[in-house]
Amino acid sequence: MSQFEYISSNPDETGVFAKRLAGLLAPGDVLTLEGDLGAGKTTFTKGLALGLGIKRTVNSPTFTIIKEYKGDLPLYHMDVYRLDDSFEDLGFDEYFEGEGVTVVEWAHLIEDQLPGDRLAIGIYRTGDTERRIVLEPVGDRYRKLCEEIMA
């Protein structure tokens, strides 16, 4: 599996990068986000939402697990950090195979529920405001998507 990296100097650059990525996404796309608390997962998702034409304020669904936003494409924003064994009842497949884009924060916690093809994104602090964004495509569609966003 190939890996692509983008260095963001500040939160605004992270948002712009995510907004550009949103322009390449299609219904049924799944993005997973990993990174320490405060690394920029929600900042990334806010940029993605802007790129999808979402007008509402996006924030982390930490206590609600899933938030849905309407835009040019729907955005299903999941934060599975606080899930226990009841995740089978949440119907993740309906979101993953739905008409929108799904973003899953802390996705490693539901690894066995994730679709085979997806774009895994890691966000890592490299300074006070600088972040290293690592894209790991799983599947041909996501590899091509990464090649296009990094061109």
C-alpha atoms as a PDB file:
ATOM      1  CA  MET A   1       0.000   0.000   0.000  1.00  0.00           C
ATOM      2  CA  SER A   2       1.368   3.396  -0.967  1.00  0.00           C
ATOM      3  CA  GLN A   3       1.331   6.396   1.308  1.00  0.00           C
ATOM      4  CA  PHE A   4       1.048  10.101   0.521  1.00  0.00           C
ATOM      5  CA  GLU A   5       2.014  12.989   2.811  1.00  0.00           C
ATOM      6  CA  TYR A   6       0.997  16.625   3.014  1.00  0.00           C
ATOM      7  CA  ILE A   7       2.516  19.122   5.458  1.00  0.00           C
ATOM      8  CA  SER A   8       0.150  21.782   6.756  1.00  0.00           C
ATOM      9  CA  SER A   9       1.629  24.887   8.398  1.00  0.00           C
ATOM     10  CA  ASN A  10      -1.552  25.850  10.258  1.00  0.00           C
ATOM     11  CA  PRO A  11      -5.231  24.943  10.767  1.00  0.00           C
ATOM     12  CA  ASP A  12      -6.312  27.076   7.789  1.00  0.00           C
ATOM     13  CA  GLU A  13      -4.035  25.099   5.446  1.00  0.00           C
ATOM     14  CA  THR A  14      -5.425  21.855   6.876  1.00  0.00           C
ATOM     15  CA  GLY A  15      -8.939  23.061   6.099  1.00  0.00           C
ATOM     16  CA  VAL A  16      -8.013  24.130   2.563  1.00  0.00           C
ATOM     17  CA  PHE A  17      -6.412  20.744   1.861  1.00  0.00           C
ATOM     18  CA  ALA A  18      -9.525  18.943   3.148  1.00  0.00           C
ATOM     19  CA  LYS A  19     -11.776  21.223   1.076  1.00  0.00           C
ATOM     20  CA  ARG A  20      -9.785  20.325  -2.060  1.00  0.00           C
ATOM     21  CA  LEU A  21     -10.100  16.635  -1.214  1.00  0.00           C
ATOM     22  CA  ALA A  22     -13.874  17.034  -0.803  1.00  0.00           C
ATOM     23  CA  GLY A  23     -14.114  18.119  -4.432  1.00  0.00           C
ATOM     24  CA  LEU A  24     -12.889  14.672  -5.484  1.00  0.00           C
ATOM     25  CA  LEU A  25     -15.200  12.621  -3.285  1.00  0.00           C
ATOM     26  CA  ALA A  26     -18.269  10.652  -4.383  1.00  0.00           C
ATOM     27  CA  PRO A  27     -21.263   9.025  -2.692  1.00  0.00           C
ATOM     28  CA  GLY A  28     -20.208   6.007  -0.639  1.00  0.00           C
ATOM     29  CA  ASP A  29     -16.665   7.229  -0.001  1.00  0.00           C
ATOM     30  CA  VAL A  30     -15.311   6.402   3.448  1.00  0.00           C
ATOM     31  CA  LEU A  31     -12.489   8.301   5.145  1.00  0.00           C
ATOM     32  CA  THR A  32     -11.019   7.236   8.453  1.00  0.00           C
ATOM     33  CA  LEU A  33      -9.240   9.749  10.684  1.00  0.00           C
ATOM     34  CA  GLU A  34      -6.650   8.933  13.300  1.00  0.00           C
ATOM     35  CA  GLY A  35      -4.538  11.235  15.421  1.00  0.00           C
ATOM     36  CA  ASP A  36      -4.025  12.345  18.991  1.00  0.00           C
ATOM     37  CA  LEU A  37      -6.567  14.544  20.747  1.00  0.00           C
ATOM     38  CA  GLY A  38      -6.200  18.042  19.343  1.00  0.00           C
ATOM     39  CA  ALA A  39      -4.241  16.917  16.281  1.00  0.00           C
ATOM     40  CA  GLY A  40      -6.780  18.427  13.893  1.00  0.00           C
ATOM     41  CA  LYS A  41      -9.291  15.706  13.026  1.00  0.00           C
ATOM     42  CA  THR A  42     -12.268  18.025  13.502  1.00  0.00           C
ATOM     43  CA  THR A  43     -10.478  20.893  11.727  1.00  0.00           C
ATOM     44  CA  PHE A  44      -9.947  18.541   8.791  1.00  0.00           C
ATOM     45  CA  THR A  45     -13.610  17.493   8.829  1.00  0.00           C
ATOM     46  CA  LYS A  46     -14.752  21.139   8.915  1.00  0.00           C
ATOM     47  CA  GLY A  47     -12.733  21.813   5.752  1.00  0.00           C
ATOM     48  CA  LEU A  48     -14.172  18.708   4.150  1.00  0.00           C
ATOM     49  CA  ALA A  49     -17.690  19.898   5.019  1.00  0.00           C
ATOM     50  CA  LEU A  50     -17.055  23.282   3.398  1.00  0.00           C
ATOM     51  CA  GLY A  51     -15.926  21.503   0.249  1.00  0.00           C
ATOM     52  CA  LEU A  52     -19.135  19.459   0.279  1.00  0.00           C
ATOM     53  CA  GLY A  53     -21.240  22.628   0.415  1.00  0.00           C
ATOM     54  CA  ILE A  54     -22.313  22.212   4.028  1.00  0.00           C
ATOM     55  CA  LYS A  55     -23.358  25.476   5.671  1.00  0.00           C
ATOM     56  CA  ARG A  56     -23.926  24.254   9.248  1.00  0.00           C
ATOM     57  CA  THR A  57     -21.222  24.420  11.883  1.00  0.00           C
ATOM     58  CA  VAL A  58     -19.423  21.096  12.132  1.00  0.00           C
ATOM     59  CA  ASN A  59     -18.175  19.873  15.477  1.00  0.00           C
ATOM     60  CA  SER A  60     -17.042  16.563  16.875  1.00  0.00           C
ATOM     61  CA  PRO A  61     -19.858  14.060  17.517  1.00  0.00           C
ATOM     62  CA  THR A  62     -18.030  12.795  20.611  1.00  0.00           C
ATOM     63  CA  PHE A  63     -21.129  12.140  22.694  1.00  0.00           C
ATOM     64  CA  THR A  64     -23.644  11.502  19.902  1.00  0.00           C
ATOM     65  CA  ILE A  65     -21.448   9.063  17.899  1.00  0.00           C
ATOM     66  CA  ILE A  66     -22.875  10.122  14.495  1.00  0.00           C
ATOM     67  CA  LYS A  67     -23.827  13.526  13.107  1.00  0.00           C
ATOM     68  CA  GLU A  68     -25.354  13.992   9.678  1.00  0.00           C
ATOM     69  CA  TYR A  69     -24.949  17.161   7.629  1.00  0.00           C
ATOM     70  CA  LYS A  70     -26.709  18.043   4.370  1.00  0.00           C
ATOM     71  CA  GLY A  71     -24.759  19.596   1.511  1.00  0.00           C
ATOM     72  CA  ASP A  72     -23.982  18.891  -2.138  1.00  0.00           C
ATOM     73  CA  LEU A  73     -23.248  15.425  -0.751  1.00  0.00           C
ATOM     74  CA  PRO A  74     -24.376  14.400   2.739  1.00  0.00           C
ATOM     75  CA  LEU A  75     -21.612  14.075   5.331  1.00  0.00           C
ATOM     76  CA  TYR A  76     -21.840  11.375   7.980  1.00  0.00           C
ATOM     77  CA  HIS A  77     -19.387  12.306  10.723  1.00  0.00           C
ATOM     78  CA  MET A  78     -18.689   9.571  13.273  1.00  0.00           C
ATOM     79  CA  ASP A  79     -16.628   9.627  16.430  1.00  0.00           C
ATOM     80  CA  VAL A  80     -16.415   6.084  17.768  1.00  0.00           C
ATOM     81  CA  TYR A  81     -13.994   6.861  20.611  1.00  0.00           C
ATOM     82  CA  ARG A  82     -16.551   6.166  23.348  1.00  0.00           C
ATOM     83  CA  LEU A  83     -18.223   3.124  21.786  1.00  0.00           C
ATOM     84  CA  ASP A  84     -18.576  -0.053  23.749  1.00  0.00           C
ATOM     85  CA  ASP A  85     -19.702  -3.424  22.374  1.00  0.00           C
ATOM     86  CA  SER A  86     -23.059  -2.043  21.218  1.00  0.00           C
ATOM     87  CA  PHE A  87     -21.710  -0.782  17.884  1.00  0.00           C
ATOM     88  CA  GLU A  88     -23.384  -3.587  15.937  1.00  0.00           C
ATOM     89  CA  ASP A  89     -26.732  -1.869  16.511  1.00  0.00           C
ATOM     90  CA  LEU A  90     -25.702   1.436  14.917  1.00  0.00           C
ATOM     91  CA  GLY A  91     -26.005   0.254  11.310  1.00  0.00           C
ATOM     92  CA  PHE A  92     -22.623   1.477  10.087  1.00  0.00           C
ATOM     93  CA  ASP A  93     -23.114  -0.342   6.760  1.00  0.00           C
ATOM     94  CA  GLU A  94     -26.050   1.918   5.927  1.00  0.00           C
ATOM     95  CA  TYR A  95     -23.743   4.917   6.203  1.00  0.00           C
ATOM     96  CA  PHE A  96     -20.754   3.324   4.475  1.00  0.00           C
ATOM     97  CA  GLU A  97     -22.916   2.298   1.532  1.00  0.00           C
ATOM     98  CA  GLY A  98     -25.092   5.409   1.616  1.00  0.00           C
ATOM     99  CA  GLU A  99     -25.416   8.420  -0.632  1.00  0.00           C
ATOM    100  CA  GLY A 100     -22.932  10.546   1.250  1.00  0.00           C
ATOM    101  CA  VAL A 101     -19.358  10.707   2.439  1.00  0.00           C
ATOM    102  CA  THR A 102     -18.544   9.054   5.761  1.00  0.00           C
ATOM    103  CA  VAL A 103     -15.768  10.271   8.053  1.00  0.00           C
ATOM    104  CA  VAL A 104     -14.884   8.028  11.005  1.00  0.00           C
ATOM    105  CA  GLU A 105     -12.706   9.394  13.814  1.00  0.00           C
ATOM    106  CA  TRP A 106     -10.839   6.775  15.903  1.00  0.00           C
ATOM    107  CA  ALA A 107     -11.687   4.200  13.225  1.00  0.00           C
ATOM    108  CA  HIS A 108      -9.201   1.632  14.557  1.00  0.00           C
ATOM    109  CA  LEU A 109     -11.757   0.922  17.304  1.00  0.00           C
ATOM    110  CA  ILE A 110     -14.215  -0.507  14.739  1.00  0.00           C
ATOM    111  CA  GLU A 111     -11.662  -1.941  12.294  1.00  0.00           C
ATOM    112  CA  ASP A 112     -13.721  -5.098  11.701  1.00  0.00           C
ATOM    113  CA  GLN A 113     -16.774  -3.000  10.744  1.00  0.00           C
ATOM    114  CA  LEU A 114     -15.023  -0.831   8.145  1.00  0.00           C
ATOM    115  CA  PRO A 115     -15.431  -1.399   4.405  1.00  0.00           C
ATOM    116  CA  GLY A 116     -12.528  -3.006   2.566  1.00  0.00           C
ATOM    117  CA  ASP A 117     -11.850   0.069   0.427  1.00  0.00           C
ATOM    118  CA  ARG A 118     -11.362   3.420   2.156  1.00  0.00           C
ATOM    119  CA  LEU A 119      -8.995   6.318   2.608  1.00  0.00           C
ATOM    120  CA  ALA A 120      -7.148   6.146   5.916  1.00  0.00           C
ATOM    121  CA  ILE A 121      -5.915   9.551   7.074  1.00  0.00           C
ATOM    122  CA  GLY A 122      -3.540  10.138   9.958  1.00  0.00           C
ATOM    123  CA  ILE A 123      -2.935  13.636  11.321  1.00  0.00           C
ATOM    124  CA  TYR A 124       0.212  14.135  13.379  1.00  0.00           C
ATOM    125  CA  ARG A 125       1.598  17.158  15.219  1.00  0.00           C
ATOM    126  CA  THR A 126       5.014  18.248  14.032  1.00  0.00           C
ATOM    127  CA  GLY A 127       4.989  21.680  15.701  1.00  0.00           C
ATOM    128  CA  ASP A 128       2.676  24.115  17.475  1.00  0.00           C
ATOM    129  CA  THR A 129       0.500  24.581  14.394  1.00  0.00           C
ATOM    130  CA  GLU A 130       2.212  22.354  11.816  1.00  0.00           C
ATOM    131  CA  ARG A 131       0.685  18.969  10.987  1.00  0.00           C
ATOM    132  CA  ARG A 132       1.764  16.024   8.872  1.00  0.00           C
ATOM    133  CA  ILE A 133      -1.253  14.573   7.094  1.00  0.00           C
ATOM    134  CA  VAL A 134      -0.687  11.005   5.914  1.00  0.00           C
ATOM    135  CA  LEU A 135      -3.045   9.510   3.342  1.00  0.00           C
ATOM    136  CA  GLU A 136      -3.087   5.727   3.039  1.00  0.00           C
ATOM    137  CA  PRO A 137      -5.406   4.578   0.261  1.00  0.00           C
ATOM    138  CA  VAL A 138      -6.979   1.152   0.520  1.00  0.00           C
ATOM    139  CA  GLY A 139      -8.236   0.244  -2.952  1.00  0.00           C
ATOM    140  CA  ASP A 140      -7.646   1.558  -6.473  1.00  0.00           C
ATOM    141  CA  ARG A 141     -10.229   4.340  -6.295  1.00  0.00           C
ATOM    142  CA  TYR A 142      -8.559   5.880  -3.255  1.00  0.00           C
ATOM    143  CA  ARG A 143      -5.060   5.467  -4.682  1.00  0.00           C
ATOM    144  CA  LYS A 144      -6.130   7.404  -7.788  1.00  0.00           C
ATOM    145  CA  LEU A 145      -7.835   9.994  -5.600  1.00  0.00           C
ATOM    146  CA  CYS A 146      -4.587  10.467  -3.637  1.00  0.00           C
ATOM    147  CA  GLU A 147      -2.538  10.776  -6.805  1.00  0.00           C
ATOM    148  CA  GLU A 148      -4.915  13.467  -8.032  1.00  0.00           C
ATOM    149  CA  ILE A 149      -4.979  15.492  -4.799  1.00  0.00           C
ATOM    150  CA  MET A 150      -1.182  15.365  -4.517  1.00  0.00           C
ATOM    151  CA  ALA A 151      -0.536  16.301  -8.186  1.00  0.00           C
END
